Amino acid sequence: MESSVSSQYLAPAAEGHLQLAKQIVQDKLRSSKGFAILSEVAGLAAWLAADRGDSATARARYKESIHYAESSRIPLLVSYMTASLGHYAVETGDPRRGLYFLDRAAQYQDSRTPAAARAWLACLRAVAYGAIGDRAQTLDALRTAQRNADRQTSDAQWPWMFAFTSAKAARYQSSALAALGDYSGSCTAYATAIPAITAPKPRSLAKVEYANLLVTMRQEEEACRLAVEALQAGQQYGSERIVERVRDLRSRMSTACRDAELLDHMLIGLYTKERW
């Protein structure tokens, strides 16, 4: 739901739900199940705060989600929430601190951990290692992700009830390879990944990331077109995260591309419109 509903409207609801859940758990449900519910709600609130560009609230909610997961004594949930914080740190430009949390998340996984969880965490580690330029570790993590992504998920275990396919892994592979300068490999991975990304926000983030690669490859016409599409979605779904990334992308582009004027007009409009 958070990937296809405006964060402008969903975030206040999530915060209200979190406060209500805290009171209920404190009064009546101080159990593993109660703390697990709190962890999930706090994790959702963290994701929405990050999407709105509220980094202070995002960090606070991620911290809460980990604390409640630890209180639930469910290792897989602790791993999930800790890895989510780690990936957030990587995405906001702090890959070394992100790797610290991703390493901690890995400590909560073992041979009984579902393949989907291992594949997902390996993908996050690949992106983090790519961000610091560690080629060997990046490629090793990508191999681990690929090995686990293709396994059947009949052993699905909460909170990893979703399938993590090769197409989903390709989304992270594209990012990691681009960071290493393997532009051809990144483009191939993106082509594999994009048909499988159907939710508007993740799809737009992938487009912006790919557009950055295209700018590096001096293919600004296509990059500008993707930026316009992503910004339209960012406005529609109240995602400051998407908007900020489009702004950063625009700063790397020339004014020669066909859609540059439209993109600039849309970016200027963000300062003049009362509400997206």
Protein backbone atom coordinates (compact mmCIF):
# COMPACT_ATOMS: atom_id res chain seq x y z
CA MET A 1 0.00 0.00 0.00
CA GLU A 2 2.81 2.45 0.88
CA SER A 3 4.22 2.03 -2.63
CA SER A 4 1.03 3.14 -4.38
CA VAL A 5 -0.69 5.57 -1.97
CA SER A 6 0.34 9.19 -1.39
CA SER A 7 2.64 9.48 1.63
CA GLN A 8 1.04 12.85 2.31
CA TYR A 9 -2.13 11.06 3.38
CA LEU A 10 -0.79 7.72 4.57
CA ALA A 11 1.97 8.99 6.89
CA PRO A 12 -0.35 10.72 9.41
CA ALA A 13 -2.53 7.61 9.51
CA ALA A 14 0.50 5.40 10.15
CA GLU A 15 1.69 7.69 12.95
CA GLY A 16 -1.74 7.63 14.55
CA HIS A 17 -1.89 3.85 14.25
CA LEU A 18 1.54 3.58 15.86
CA GLN A 19 0.52 5.67 18.87
CA LEU A 20 -2.66 3.62 19.31
CA ALA A 21 -0.76 0.34 18.99
CA LYS A 22 1.78 1.48 21.59
CA GLN A 23 -0.99 2.13 24.09
CA ILE A 24 -2.71 -1.20 23.44
CA VAL A 25 0.51 -3.20 23.71
CA GLN A 26 1.55 -1.32 26.84
CA ASP A 27 -1.79 -1.99 28.54
CA LYS A 28 -2.92 -5.38 27.24
CA LEU A 29 -0.55 -7.11 24.82
CA ARG A 30 2.99 -7.16 26.19
CA SER A 31 3.84 -10.30 24.26
CA SER A 32 5.94 -11.41 21.30
CA LYS A 33 2.97 -10.87 19.01
CA GLY A 34 2.28 -7.41 20.40
CA PHE A 35 5.86 -6.23 20.00
CA ALA A 36 6.00 -7.71 16.50
CA ILE A 37 2.95 -5.66 15.52
CA LEU A 38 4.57 -2.53 16.95
CA SER A 39 7.76 -3.26 15.01
CA GLU A 40 5.90 -3.57 11.73
CA VAL A 41 3.88 -0.39 12.27
CA ALA A 42 7.01 1.56 13.27
CA GLY A 43 8.78 0.20 10.20
CA LEU A 44 5.96 1.44 7.97
CA ALA A 45 6.07 4.85 9.65
CA ALA A 46 9.84 4.96 9.06
CA TRP A 47 9.47 4.15 5.36
CA LEU A 48 6.82 6.83 4.93
CA ALA A 49 8.88 9.43 6.78
CA ALA A 50 11.83 8.62 4.52
CA ASP A 51 9.58 8.94 1.49
CA ARG A 52 8.48 12.39 2.66
CA GLY A 53 12.08 13.50 3.21
CA ASP A 54 11.76 13.64 7.01
CA SER A 55 15.08 12.05 7.92
CA ALA A 56 14.89 12.73 11.67
CA THR A 57 11.54 10.94 11.98
CA ALA A 58 12.69 8.15 9.67
CA ARG A 59 15.73 7.39 11.84
CA ALA A 60 13.67 7.55 15.02
CA ARG A 61 11.02 5.18 13.68
CA TYR A 62 13.59 2.73 12.31
CA LYS A 63 15.22 2.71 15.74
CA GLU A 64 11.85 1.97 17.32
CA SER A 65 11.11 -0.78 14.82
CA ILE A 66 14.37 -2.53 15.69
CA HIS A 67 13.78 -2.14 19.44
CA TYR A 68 10.31 -3.65 19.19
CA ALA A 69 11.56 -6.44 16.94
CA GLU A 70 14.21 -7.31 19.53
CA SER A 71 11.51 -7.30 22.22
CA SER A 72 9.46 -9.72 20.10
CA ARG A 73 12.38 -12.19 20.12
CA ILE A 74 11.77 -13.01 16.45
CA PRO A 75 15.24 -13.10 14.79
CA LEU A 76 13.90 -12.80 11.26
CA LEU A 77 11.98 -9.64 12.13
CA VAL A 78 15.07 -8.14 13.80
CA SER A 79 17.07 -8.91 10.66
CA TYR A 80 14.45 -7.31 8.44
CA MET A 81 14.16 -4.07 10.40
CA THR A 82 17.91 -3.74 10.95
CA ALA A 83 18.58 -4.29 7.25
CA SER A 84 15.91 -1.73 6.38
CA LEU A 85 17.73 0.88 8.48
CA GLY A 86 21.02 -0.12 6.87
CA HIS A 87 19.65 0.31 3.38
CA TYR A 88 18.16 3.66 4.35
CA ALA A 89 21.60 4.82 5.48
CA VAL A 90 23.11 3.69 2.18
CA GLU A 91 20.40 5.46 0.18
CA THR A 92 20.97 8.70 2.08
CA GLY A 93 24.70 8.74 1.35
CA ASP A 94 26.21 6.92 4.34
CA PRO A 95 27.16 3.48 2.96
CA ARG A 96 29.75 2.59 5.61
CA ARG A 97 27.30 3.07 8.45
CA GLY A 98 24.74 1.29 6.32
CA LEU A 99 27.06 -1.70 6.01
CA TYR A 100 27.41 -1.77 9.79
CA PHE A 101 23.68 -2.33 10.15
CA LEU A 102 23.53 -4.75 7.22
CA ASP A 103 26.27 -6.81 8.88
CA ARG A 104 24.25 -6.81 12.10
CA ALA A 105 21.18 -7.93 10.17
CA ALA A 106 23.14 -10.86 8.72
CA GLN A 107 23.93 -12.09 12.24
CA TYR A 108 20.23 -12.85 12.75
CA GLN A 109 20.11 -15.16 9.72
CA ASP A 110 21.10 -18.83 9.65
CA SER A 111 20.53 -22.01 7.65
CA ARG A 112 16.81 -21.92 8.50
CA THR A 113 16.34 -18.43 7.09
CA PRO A 114 14.11 -18.41 3.98
CA ALA A 115 15.91 -18.05 0.67
CA ALA A 116 13.95 -14.87 -0.08
CA ALA A 117 15.33 -13.19 3.04
CA ARG A 118 18.90 -14.21 2.23
CA ALA A 119 18.55 -12.99 -1.36
CA TRP A 120 17.09 -9.65 -0.29
CA LEU A 121 19.81 -8.98 2.28
CA ALA A 122 22.53 -10.00 -0.17
CA CYS A 123 21.12 -7.48 -2.66
CA LEU A 124 21.24 -4.70 -0.09
CA ARG A 125 24.82 -5.60 0.76
CA ALA A 126 25.76 -5.56 -2.93
CA VAL A 127 24.39 -2.03 -3.29
CA ALA A 128 26.27 -0.91 -0.17
CA TYR A 129 29.56 -2.45 -1.28
CA GLY A 130 29.08 -0.91 -4.71
CA ALA A 131 28.65 2.49 -3.09
CA ILE A 132 32.07 2.24 -1.42
CA GLY A 133 33.69 0.80 -4.55
CA ASP A 134 34.46 -2.69 -3.21
CA ARG A 135 34.17 -4.67 -6.42
CA ALA A 136 35.00 -8.12 -5.02
CA GLN A 137 32.47 -7.90 -2.19
CA THR A 138 29.83 -6.45 -4.50
CA LEU A 139 30.12 -9.30 -6.99
CA ASP A 140 30.20 -11.90 -4.21
CA ALA A 141 27.00 -10.47 -2.73
CA LEU A 142 25.34 -10.46 -6.16
CA ARG A 143 26.23 -14.13 -6.63
CA THR A 144 24.72 -14.93 -3.24
CA ALA A 145 21.58 -13.03 -4.15
CA GLN A 146 21.23 -14.80 -7.49
CA ARG A 147 21.78 -18.20 -5.93
CA ASN A 148 18.96 -17.65 -3.45
CA ALA A 149 16.59 -15.65 -5.66
CA ASP A 150 15.89 -18.58 -7.95
CA ARG A 151 14.98 -20.96 -5.15
CA GLN A 152 11.32 -21.84 -4.63
CA THR A 153 9.61 -19.99 -1.79
CA SER A 154 7.43 -22.81 -0.54
CA ASP A 155 9.24 -22.24 2.76
CA ALA A 156 7.83 -18.70 2.93
CA GLN A 157 8.08 -17.39 6.46
CA TRP A 158 6.78 -14.12 7.88
CA PRO A 159 7.82 -11.33 7.44
CA TRP A 160 9.13 -12.62 4.08
CA MET A 161 5.87 -13.89 2.62
CA PHE A 162 6.63 -12.50 -0.84
CA ALA A 163 8.62 -14.14 -3.62
CA PHE A 164 12.02 -12.60 -4.30
CA THR A 165 12.68 -13.50 -7.92
CA SER A 166 15.64 -12.93 -10.21
CA ALA A 167 13.75 -10.00 -11.73
CA LYS A 168 13.47 -8.33 -8.32
CA ALA A 169 17.14 -9.02 -7.62
CA ALA A 170 18.02 -7.40 -10.96
CA ARG A 171 16.78 -4.05 -9.62
CA TYR A 172 19.56 -4.04 -7.04
CA GLN A 173 22.04 -5.60 -9.43
CA SER A 174 21.54 -2.68 -11.79
CA SER A 175 22.31 -0.20 -9.01
CA ALA A 176 25.37 -2.07 -7.76
CA LEU A 177 26.88 -2.56 -11.21
CA ALA A 178 26.34 1.09 -12.12
CA ALA A 179 28.27 2.09 -9.00
CA LEU A 180 31.15 -0.11 -10.17
CA GLY A 181 31.14 1.48 -13.62
CA ASP A 182 29.77 -1.61 -15.39
CA TYR A 183 27.28 0.36 -17.45
CA SER A 184 26.50 -2.42 -19.90
CA GLY A 185 25.74 -4.88 -17.10
CA SER A 186 23.66 -2.28 -15.31
CA CYS A 187 21.56 -1.57 -18.41
CA THR A 188 20.96 -5.28 -18.95
CA ALA A 189 19.88 -5.72 -15.33
CA TYR A 190 17.56 -2.71 -15.54
CA ALA A 191 15.87 -4.13 -18.64
CA THR A 192 15.24 -7.33 -16.69
CA ALA A 193 14.01 -5.55 -13.59
CA ILE A 194 11.71 -2.79 -14.82
CA PRO A 195 8.83 -5.00 -16.13
CA ALA A 196 8.55 -6.59 -12.68
CA ILE A 197 8.36 -3.27 -10.81
CA THR A 198 4.68 -2.42 -10.98
CA ALA A 199 4.17 -0.18 -7.91
CA PRO A 200 4.46 3.51 -8.90
CA LYS A 201 6.99 4.71 -6.33
CA PRO A 202 9.60 1.94 -6.68
CA ARG A 203 9.20 2.06 -10.46
CA SER A 204 9.85 5.81 -10.48
CA LEU A 205 12.89 5.47 -8.23
CA ALA A 206 14.27 2.85 -10.59
CA LYS A 207 13.68 5.18 -13.53
CA VAL A 208 15.58 8.03 -11.86
CA GLU A 209 18.46 5.74 -11.03
CA TYR A 210 18.61 4.51 -14.60
CA ALA A 211 18.34 8.08 -15.87
CA ASN A 212 21.44 8.97 -13.86
CA LEU A 213 23.26 6.15 -15.62
CA LEU A 214 22.05 7.43 -18.99
CA VAL A 215 23.39 10.90 -18.21
CA THR A 216 26.76 9.37 -17.44
CA MET A 217 26.55 7.61 -20.80
CA ARG A 218 25.59 10.93 -22.47
CA GLN A 219 22.11 9.78 -23.42
CA GLU A 220 20.30 12.79 -22.01
CA GLU A 221 17.19 12.69 -24.21
CA GLU A 222 16.03 9.41 -22.71
CA ALA A 223 17.23 10.43 -19.25
CA CYS A 224 15.15 13.60 -19.39
CA ARG A 225 12.06 11.70 -20.52
CA LEU A 226 12.40 9.27 -17.61
CA ALA A 227 12.94 12.17 -15.20
CA VAL A 228 9.67 13.79 -16.30
CA GLU A 229 7.78 10.52 -15.81
CA ALA A 230 9.33 9.98 -12.38
CA LEU A 231 8.60 13.53 -11.23
CA GLN A 232 4.98 13.21 -12.29
CA ALA A 233 4.69 10.12 -10.09
CA GLY A 234 6.55 11.83 -7.26
CA GLN A 235 4.04 14.66 -7.30
CA GLN A 236 1.05 12.35 -7.60
CA TYR A 237 2.11 10.11 -4.72
CA GLY A 238 3.59 12.76 -2.41
CA SER A 239 7.11 11.35 -2.55
CA GLU A 240 9.76 13.90 -1.63
CA ARG A 241 12.32 11.13 -2.04
CA ILE A 242 11.53 10.91 -5.76
CA VAL A 243 11.42 14.70 -6.12
CA GLU A 244 14.83 15.16 -4.49
CA ARG A 245 16.39 12.56 -6.73
CA VAL A 246 14.96 14.17 -9.83
CA ARG A 247 16.35 17.53 -8.66
CA ASP A 248 19.79 15.97 -8.22
CA LEU A 249 19.52 14.36 -11.64
CA ARG A 250 18.56 17.65 -13.30
CA SER A 251 21.65 19.32 -11.87
CA ARG A 252 23.79 16.86 -13.85
CA MET A 253 22.04 17.50 -17.16
CA SER A 254 22.44 20.14 -19.85
CA THR A 255 19.62 22.29 -21.21
CA ALA A 256 19.84 20.80 -24.68
CA CYS A 257 17.51 17.82 -24.29
CA ARG A 258 14.01 18.06 -25.70
CA ASP A 259 12.11 17.78 -22.41
CA ALA A 260 14.44 20.04 -20.38
CA GLU A 261 12.05 22.99 -20.46
CA LEU A 262 9.13 20.84 -19.32
CA LEU A 263 11.20 19.31 -16.53
CA ASP A 264 12.37 22.72 -15.34
CA HIS A 265 8.80 24.05 -15.41
CA MET A 266 7.66 21.11 -13.28
CA LEU A 267 10.49 21.62 -10.79
CA ILE A 268 9.74 25.34 -10.50
CA GLY A 269 6.10 24.48 -9.92
CA LEU A 270 7.05 22.60 -6.77
CA TYR A 271 7.94 25.93 -5.17
CA THR A 272 4.77 27.74 -6.22
CA LYS A 273 2.01 25.17 -5.79
CA GLU A 274 0.35 25.07 -2.40
CA ARG A 275 0.00 21.32 -2.57
CA TRP A 276 1.11 18.63 -4.97
